Amino acid sequence: WSPPPQPPYQEEEIPELEIDVDELLDMESDDTRAARVKELLVDCYKPTEAFISGLLDKIRGMQKLSTPQKK
């Protein structure tokens, strides 16, 4: 008796990715932020547009919370 053969593929490894939100908050514009996030996601083979726009929306919300309102 021998054990069944192993499947020829390896389980997909999910690479870890850290996005420094503070770094993004310090940037001047959404375009700069989007370019930086695209740079970080360069190895991602799934569509990233929806992720990036969602992330930028959240960052805009965080800016409103962290920036004192000027009158």
PDB file of N, CA and C in Angstrom:
ATOM      1  N   TRP A   1       0.836  -1.181   0.000  1.00  0.00           N
ATOM      2  CA  TRP A   1       0.000   0.000   0.000  1.00  0.00           C
ATOM      3  C   TRP A   1       0.876   1.238   0.000  1.00  0.00           C
ATOM      4  N   SER A   2       0.497   2.247  -0.808  1.00  0.00           N
ATOM      5  CA  SER A   2       1.233   3.516  -0.795  1.00  0.00           C
ATOM      6  C   SER A   2       0.226   4.663  -0.698  1.00  0.00           C
ATOM      7  N   PRO A   3       0.660   5.749  -0.092  1.00  0.00           N
ATOM      8  CA  PRO A   3      -0.263   6.883   0.073  1.00  0.00           C
ATOM      9  C   PRO A   3      -0.639   7.453  -1.297  1.00  0.00           C
ATOM     10  N   PRO A   4      -1.809   8.085  -1.386  1.00  0.00           N
ATOM     11  CA  PRO A   4      -2.211   8.667  -2.669  1.00  0.00           C
ATOM     12  C   PRO A   4      -1.210   9.750  -3.098  1.00  0.00           C
ATOM     13  N   PRO A   5      -1.017   9.906  -4.393  1.00  0.00           N
ATOM     14  CA  PRO A   5      -0.057  10.923  -4.845  1.00  0.00           C
ATOM     15  C   PRO A   5      -0.509  12.329  -4.463  1.00  0.00           C
ATOM     16  N   GLN A   6       0.452  13.176  -4.204  1.00  0.00           N
ATOM     17  CA  GLN A   6       0.154  14.567  -3.855  1.00  0.00           C
ATOM     18  C   GLN A   6      -0.239  15.326  -5.118  1.00  0.00           C
ATOM     19  N   PRO A   7      -1.138  16.300  -4.997  1.00  0.00           N
ATOM     20  CA  PRO A   7      -1.464  17.100  -6.175  1.00  0.00           C
ATOM     21  C   PRO A   7      -0.207  17.829  -6.660  1.00  0.00           C
ATOM     22  N   PRO A   8      -0.109  18.076  -7.957  1.00  0.00           N
ATOM     23  CA  PRO A   8       1.126  18.649  -8.504  1.00  0.00           C
ATOM     24  C   PRO A   8       1.298  20.139  -8.214  1.00  0.00           C
ATOM     25  N   TYR A   9       0.307  20.766  -7.564  1.00  0.00           N
ATOM     26  CA  TYR A   9       0.436  22.200  -7.316  1.00  0.00           C
ATOM     27  C   TYR A   9       0.680  22.455  -5.840  1.00  0.00           C
ATOM     28  N   GLN A  10       1.286  23.581  -5.564  1.00  0.00           N
ATOM     29  CA  GLN A  10       1.473  24.018  -4.183  1.00  0.00           C
ATOM     30  C   GLN A  10       0.291  24.895  -3.810  1.00  0.00           C
ATOM     31  N   GLU A  11      -0.024  24.919  -2.525  1.00  0.00           N
ATOM     32  CA  GLU A  11      -1.081  25.825  -2.095  1.00  0.00           C
ATOM     33  C   GLU A  11      -0.616  27.249  -2.376  1.00  0.00           C
ATOM     34  N   GLU A  12      -1.523  28.066  -2.870  1.00  0.00           N
ATOM     35  CA  GLU A  12      -1.163  29.435  -3.244  1.00  0.00           C
ATOM     36  C   GLU A  12      -0.694  30.197  -2.015  1.00  0.00           C
ATOM     37  N   GLU A  13       0.473  30.809  -2.136  1.00  0.00           N
ATOM     38  CA  GLU A  13       0.966  31.628  -1.040  1.00  0.00           C
ATOM     39  C   GLU A  13       0.450  33.043  -1.231  1.00  0.00           C
ATOM     40  N   ILE A  14      -0.013  33.634  -0.153  1.00  0.00           N
ATOM     41  CA  ILE A  14      -0.490  35.003  -0.220  1.00  0.00           C
ATOM     42  C   ILE A  14       0.618  35.895   0.342  1.00  0.00           C
ATOM     43  N   PRO A  15       1.206  36.716  -0.522  1.00  0.00           N
ATOM     44  CA  PRO A  15       2.291  37.568  -0.022  1.00  0.00           C
ATOM     45  C   PRO A  15       1.740  38.616   0.938  1.00  0.00           C
ATOM     46  N   GLU A  16       2.530  38.943   1.937  1.00  0.00           N
ATOM     47  CA  GLU A  16       2.114  39.983   2.870  1.00  0.00           C
ATOM     48  C   GLU A  16       2.481  41.329   2.293  1.00  0.00           C
ATOM     49  N   LEU A  17       1.639  42.300   2.529  1.00  0.00           N
ATOM     50  CA  LEU A  17       1.883  43.641   2.022  1.00  0.00           C
ATOM     51  C   LEU A  17       1.513  44.628   3.099  1.00  0.00           C
ATOM     52  N   GLU A  18       2.421  45.535   3.383  1.00  0.00           N
ATOM     53  CA  GLU A  18       2.109  46.586   4.352  1.00  0.00           C
ATOM     54  C   GLU A  18       1.989  47.894   3.608  1.00  0.00           C
ATOM     55  N   ILE A  19       0.916  48.608   3.876  1.00  0.00           N
ATOM     56  CA  ILE A  19       0.739  49.937   3.318  1.00  0.00           C
ATOM     57  C   ILE A  19       0.778  50.901   4.490  1.00  0.00           C
ATOM     58  N   ASP A  20       1.711  51.837   4.442  1.00  0.00           N
ATOM     59  CA  ASP A  20       1.881  52.802   5.523  1.00  0.00           C
ATOM     60  C   ASP A  20       0.880  53.934   5.338  1.00  0.00           C
ATOM     61  N   VAL A  21      -0.208  53.875   6.097  1.00  0.00           N
ATOM     62  CA  VAL A  21      -1.274  54.861   5.956  1.00  0.00           C
ATOM     63  C   VAL A  21      -0.777  56.254   6.344  1.00  0.00           C
ATOM     64  N   ASP A  22       0.078  56.335   7.354  1.00  0.00           N
ATOM     65  CA  ASP A  22       0.618  57.647   7.751  1.00  0.00           C
ATOM     66  C   ASP A  22       1.389  58.283   6.598  1.00  0.00           C
ATOM     67  N   GLU A  23       2.155  57.452   5.888  1.00  0.00           N
ATOM     68  CA  GLU A  23       2.896  57.958   4.729  1.00  0.00           C
ATOM     69  C   GLU A  23       1.916  58.522   3.699  1.00  0.00           C
ATOM     70  N   LEU A  24       0.822  57.795   3.445  1.00  0.00           N
ATOM     71  CA  LEU A  24      -0.158  58.256   2.470  1.00  0.00           C
ATOM     72  C   LEU A  24      -0.845  59.535   2.937  1.00  0.00           C
ATOM     73  N   LEU A  25      -1.141  59.621   4.236  1.00  0.00           N
ATOM     74  CA  LEU A  25      -1.789  60.822   4.772  1.00  0.00           C
ATOM     75  C   LEU A  25      -0.913  62.057   4.595  1.00  0.00           C
ATOM     76  N   ASP A  26       0.412  61.864   4.636  1.00  0.00           N
ATOM     77  CA  ASP A  26       1.335  62.993   4.518  1.00  0.00           C
ATOM     78  C   ASP A  26       1.505  63.476   3.084  1.00  0.00           C
ATOM     79  N   MET A  27       1.026  62.705   2.121  1.00  0.00           N
ATOM     80  CA  MET A  27       1.212  63.090   0.721  1.00  0.00           C
ATOM     81  C   MET A  27       0.251  64.211   0.336  1.00  0.00           C
ATOM     82  N   GLU A  28       0.656  64.952  -0.694  1.00  0.00           N
ATOM     83  CA  GLU A  28      -0.080  66.154  -1.099  1.00  0.00           C
ATOM     84  C   GLU A  28      -1.409  65.870  -1.784  1.00  0.00           C
ATOM     85  N   SER A  29      -1.462  64.851  -2.639  1.00  0.00           N
ATOM     86  CA  SER A  29      -2.655  64.686  -3.466  1.00  0.00           C
ATOM     87  C   SER A  29      -3.045  63.223  -3.609  1.00  0.00           C
ATOM     88  N   ASP A  30      -4.285  63.011  -4.034  1.00  0.00           N
ATOM     89  CA  ASP A  30      -4.754  61.651  -4.296  1.00  0.00           C
ATOM     90  C   ASP A  30      -3.953  60.998  -5.409  1.00  0.00           C
ATOM     91  N   ASP A  31      -3.543  61.793  -6.392  1.00  0.00           N
ATOM     92  CA  ASP A  31      -2.752  61.228  -7.497  1.00  0.00           C
ATOM     93  C   ASP A  31      -1.443  60.652  -6.982  1.00  0.00           C
ATOM     94  N   THR A  32      -0.791  61.386  -6.087  1.00  0.00           N
ATOM     95  CA  THR A  32       0.469  60.919  -5.500  1.00  0.00           C
ATOM     96  C   THR A  32       0.224  59.652  -4.692  1.00  0.00           C
ATOM     97  N   ARG A  33      -0.856  59.656  -3.914  1.00  0.00           N
ATOM     98  CA  ARG A  33      -1.189  58.476  -3.100  1.00  0.00           C
ATOM     99  C   ARG A  33      -1.467  57.272  -3.985  1.00  0.00           C
ATOM    100  N   ALA A  34      -2.283  57.487  -5.033  1.00  0.00           N
ATOM    101  CA  ALA A  34      -2.648  56.387  -5.926  1.00  0.00           C
ATOM    102  C   ALA A  34      -1.392  55.809  -6.576  1.00  0.00           C
ATOM    103  N   ALA A  35      -0.475  56.671  -6.988  1.00  0.00           N
ATOM    104  CA  ALA A  35       0.759  56.207  -7.625  1.00  0.00           C
ATOM    105  C   ALA A  35       1.571  55.363  -6.642  1.00  0.00           C
ATOM    106  N   ARG A  36       1.628  55.787  -5.387  1.00  0.00           N
ATOM    107  CA  ARG A  36       2.382  55.052  -4.367  1.00  0.00           C
ATOM    108  C   ARG A  36       1.752  53.683  -4.106  1.00  0.00           C
ATOM    109  N   VAL A  37       0.436  53.635  -3.997  1.00  0.00           N
ATOM    110  CA  VAL A  37      -0.245  52.366  -3.731  1.00  0.00           C
ATOM    111  C   VAL A  37      -0.072  51.428  -4.933  1.00  0.00           C
ATOM    112  N   LYS A  38      -0.165  51.966  -6.144  1.00  0.00           N
ATOM    113  CA  LYS A  38       0.055  51.145  -7.348  1.00  0.00           C
ATOM    114  C   LYS A  38       1.450  50.545  -7.332  1.00  0.00           C
ATOM    115  N   GLU A  39       2.419  51.347  -6.893  1.00  0.00           N
ATOM    116  CA  GLU A  39       3.807  50.891  -6.779  1.00  0.00           C
ATOM    117  C   GLU A  39       3.883  49.700  -5.813  1.00  0.00           C
ATOM    118  N   LEU A  40       3.184  49.815  -4.678  1.00  0.00           N
ATOM    119  CA  LEU A  40       3.201  48.747  -3.679  1.00  0.00           C
ATOM    120  C   LEU A  40       2.506  47.490  -4.189  1.00  0.00           C
ATOM    121  N   LEU A  41       1.491  47.675  -5.048  1.00  0.00           N
ATOM    122  CA  LEU A  41       0.702  46.546  -5.530  1.00  0.00           C
ATOM    123  C   LEU A  41       1.208  46.009  -6.874  1.00  0.00           C
ATOM    124  N   VAL A  42       2.423  46.408  -7.265  1.00  0.00           N
ATOM    125  CA  VAL A  42       2.920  46.056  -8.597  1.00  0.00           C
ATOM    126  C   VAL A  42       2.952  44.539  -8.823  1.00  0.00           C
ATOM    127  N   ASP A  43       3.149  43.768  -7.770  1.00  0.00           N
ATOM    128  CA  ASP A  43       3.209  42.308  -7.913  1.00  0.00           C
ATOM    129  C   ASP A  43       1.838  41.642  -7.812  1.00  0.00           C
ATOM    130  N   CYS A  44       0.812  42.428  -7.556  1.00  0.00           N
ATOM    131  CA  CYS A  44      -0.534  41.873  -7.413  1.00  0.00           C
ATOM    132  C   CYS A  44      -1.125  41.622  -8.791  1.00  0.00           C
ATOM    133  N   TYR A  45      -1.585  40.396  -9.019  1.00  0.00           N
ATOM    134  CA  TYR A  45      -2.098  40.074 -10.346  1.00  0.00           C
ATOM    135  C   TYR A  45      -3.619  40.230 -10.424  1.00  0.00           C
ATOM    136  N   LYS A  46      -4.245  40.588  -9.321  1.00  0.00           N
ATOM    137  CA  LYS A  46      -5.697  40.820  -9.349  1.00  0.00           C
ATOM    138  C   LYS A  46      -5.942  42.302  -9.626  1.00  0.00           C
ATOM    139  N   PRO A  47      -7.137  42.655 -10.093  1.00  0.00           N
ATOM    140  CA  PRO A  47      -7.420  44.077 -10.355  1.00  0.00           C
ATOM    141  C   PRO A  47      -7.279  44.912  -9.081  1.00  0.00           C
ATOM    142  N   THR A  48      -6.634  46.055  -9.184  1.00  0.00           N
ATOM    143  CA  THR A  48      -6.354  46.859  -7.995  1.00  0.00           C
ATOM    144  C   THR A  48      -7.104  48.185  -7.972  1.00  0.00           C
ATOM    145  N   GLU A  49      -7.739  48.561  -9.086  1.00  0.00           N
ATOM    146  CA  GLU A  49      -8.379  49.880  -9.171  1.00  0.00           C
ATOM    147  C   GLU A  49      -9.419  50.101  -8.067  1.00  0.00           C
ATOM    148  N   ALA A  50     -10.312  49.131  -7.871  1.00  0.00           N
ATOM    149  CA  ALA A  50     -11.372  49.284  -6.870  1.00  0.00           C
ATOM    150  C   ALA A  50     -10.766  49.387  -5.465  1.00  0.00           C
ATOM    151  N   PHE A  51      -9.730  48.591  -5.200  1.00  0.00           N
ATOM    152  CA  PHE A  51      -9.064  48.638  -3.897  1.00  0.00           C
ATOM    153  C   PHE A  51      -8.458  50.017  -3.669  1.00  0.00           C
ATOM    154  N   ILE A  52      -7.763  50.524  -4.686  1.00  0.00           N
ATOM    155  CA  ILE A  52      -7.083  51.812  -4.546  1.00  0.00           C
ATOM    156  C   ILE A  52      -8.097  52.931  -4.330  1.00  0.00           C
ATOM    157  N   SER A  53      -9.189  52.949  -5.109  1.00  0.00           N
ATOM    158  CA  SER A  53     -10.145  54.039  -4.934  1.00  0.00           C
ATOM    159  C   SER A  53     -10.827  53.946  -3.567  1.00  0.00           C
ATOM    160  N   GLY A  54     -11.110  52.733  -3.097  1.00  0.00           N
ATOM    161  CA  GLY A  54     -11.685  52.576  -1.763  1.00  0.00           C
ATOM    162  C   GLY A  54     -10.734  53.047  -0.674  1.00  0.00           C
ATOM    163  N   LEU A  55      -9.463  52.718  -0.851  1.00  0.00           N
ATOM    164  CA  LEU A  55      -8.450  53.130   0.127  1.00  0.00           C
ATOM    165  C   LEU A  55      -8.323  54.649   0.152  1.00  0.00           C
ATOM    166  N   LEU A  56      -8.320  55.272  -1.010  1.00  0.00           N
ATOM    167  CA  LEU A  56      -8.214  56.737  -1.066  1.00  0.00           C
ATOM    168  C   LEU A  56      -9.429  57.402  -0.423  1.00  0.00           C
ATOM    169  N   ASP A  57     -10.617  56.811  -0.605  1.00  0.00           N
ATOM    170  CA  ASP A  57     -11.811  57.345   0.060  1.00  0.00           C
ATOM    171  C   ASP A  57     -11.649  57.305   1.575  1.00  0.00           C
ATOM    172  N   LYS A  58     -11.153  56.192   2.073  1.00  0.00           N
ATOM    173  CA  LYS A  58     -10.955  56.060   3.521  1.00  0.00           C
ATOM    174  C   LYS A  58      -9.920  57.071   4.022  1.00  0.00           C
ATOM    175  N   ILE A  59      -8.862  57.265   3.239  1.00  0.00           N
ATOM    176  CA  ILE A  59      -7.814  58.206   3.649  1.00  0.00           C
ATOM    177  C   ILE A  59      -8.365  59.629   3.668  1.00  0.00           C
ATOM    178  N   ARG A  60      -9.205  59.965   2.681  1.00  0.00           N
ATOM    179  CA  ARG A  60      -9.830  61.301   2.698  1.00  0.00           C
ATOM    180  C   ARG A  60     -10.662  61.470   3.970  1.00  0.00           C
ATOM    181  N   GLY A  61     -11.369  60.427   4.364  1.00  0.00           N
ATOM    182  CA  GLY A  61     -12.150  60.480   5.595  1.00  0.00           C
ATOM    183  C   GLY A  61     -11.262  60.651   6.824  1.00  0.00           C
ATOM    184  N   MET A  62     -10.113  59.984   6.819  1.00  0.00           N
ATOM    185  CA  MET A  62      -9.189  60.101   7.950  1.00  0.00           C
ATOM    186  C   MET A  62      -8.594  61.505   8.007  1.00  0.00           C
ATOM    187  N   GLN A  63      -8.340  62.093   6.836  1.00  0.00           N
ATOM    188  CA  GLN A  63      -7.790  63.449   6.818  1.00  0.00           C
ATOM    189  C   GLN A  63      -8.773  64.423   7.446  1.00  0.00           C
ATOM    190  N   LYS A  64     -10.055  64.244   7.137  1.00  0.00           N
ATOM    191  CA  LYS A  64     -11.059  65.139   7.703  1.00  0.00           C
ATOM    192  C   LYS A  64     -11.094  65.015   9.218  1.00  0.00           C
ATOM    193  N   LEU A  65     -10.876  63.798   9.719  1.00  0.00           N
ATOM    194  CA  LEU A  65     -10.886  63.586  11.170  1.00  0.00           C
ATOM    195  C   LEU A  65      -9.651  64.165  11.833  1.00  0.00           C
ATOM    196  N   SER A  66      -8.491  64.074  11.147  1.00  0.00           N
ATOM    197  CA  SER A  66      -7.236  64.438  11.793  1.00  0.00           C
ATOM    198  C   SER A  66      -6.825  65.884  11.548  1.00  0.00           C
ATOM    199  N   THR A  67      -7.399  66.536  10.533  1.00  0.00           N
ATOM    200  CA  THR A  67      -7.018  67.915  10.234  1.00  0.00           C
ATOM    201  C   THR A  67      -7.989  68.861  10.916  1.00  0.00           C
ATOM    202  N   PRO A  68      -7.469  69.757  11.762  1.00  0.00           N
ATOM    203  CA  PRO A  68      -8.387  70.724  12.377  1.00  0.00           C
ATOM    204  C   PRO A  68      -8.988  71.616  11.282  1.00  0.00           C
ATOM    205  N   GLN A  69     -10.268  71.894  11.404  1.00  0.00           N
ATOM    206  CA  GLN A  69     -10.943  72.701  10.388  1.00  0.00           C
ATOM    207  C   GLN A  69     -10.457  74.148  10.472  1.00  0.00           C
ATOM    208  N   LYS A  70     -10.077  74.696   9.316  1.00  0.00           N
ATOM    209  CA  LYS A  70      -9.636  76.101   9.277  1.00  0.00           C
ATOM    210  C   LYS A  70     -10.832  76.960   8.897  1.00  0.00           C
ATOM    211  N   LYS A  71     -10.940  78.108   9.540  1.00  0.00           N
ATOM    212  CA  LYS A  71     -12.070  78.998   9.228  1.00  0.00           C
ATOM    213  C   LYS A  71     -11.562  80.269   8.602  1.00  0.00           C
TER     214      LYS A  71
END
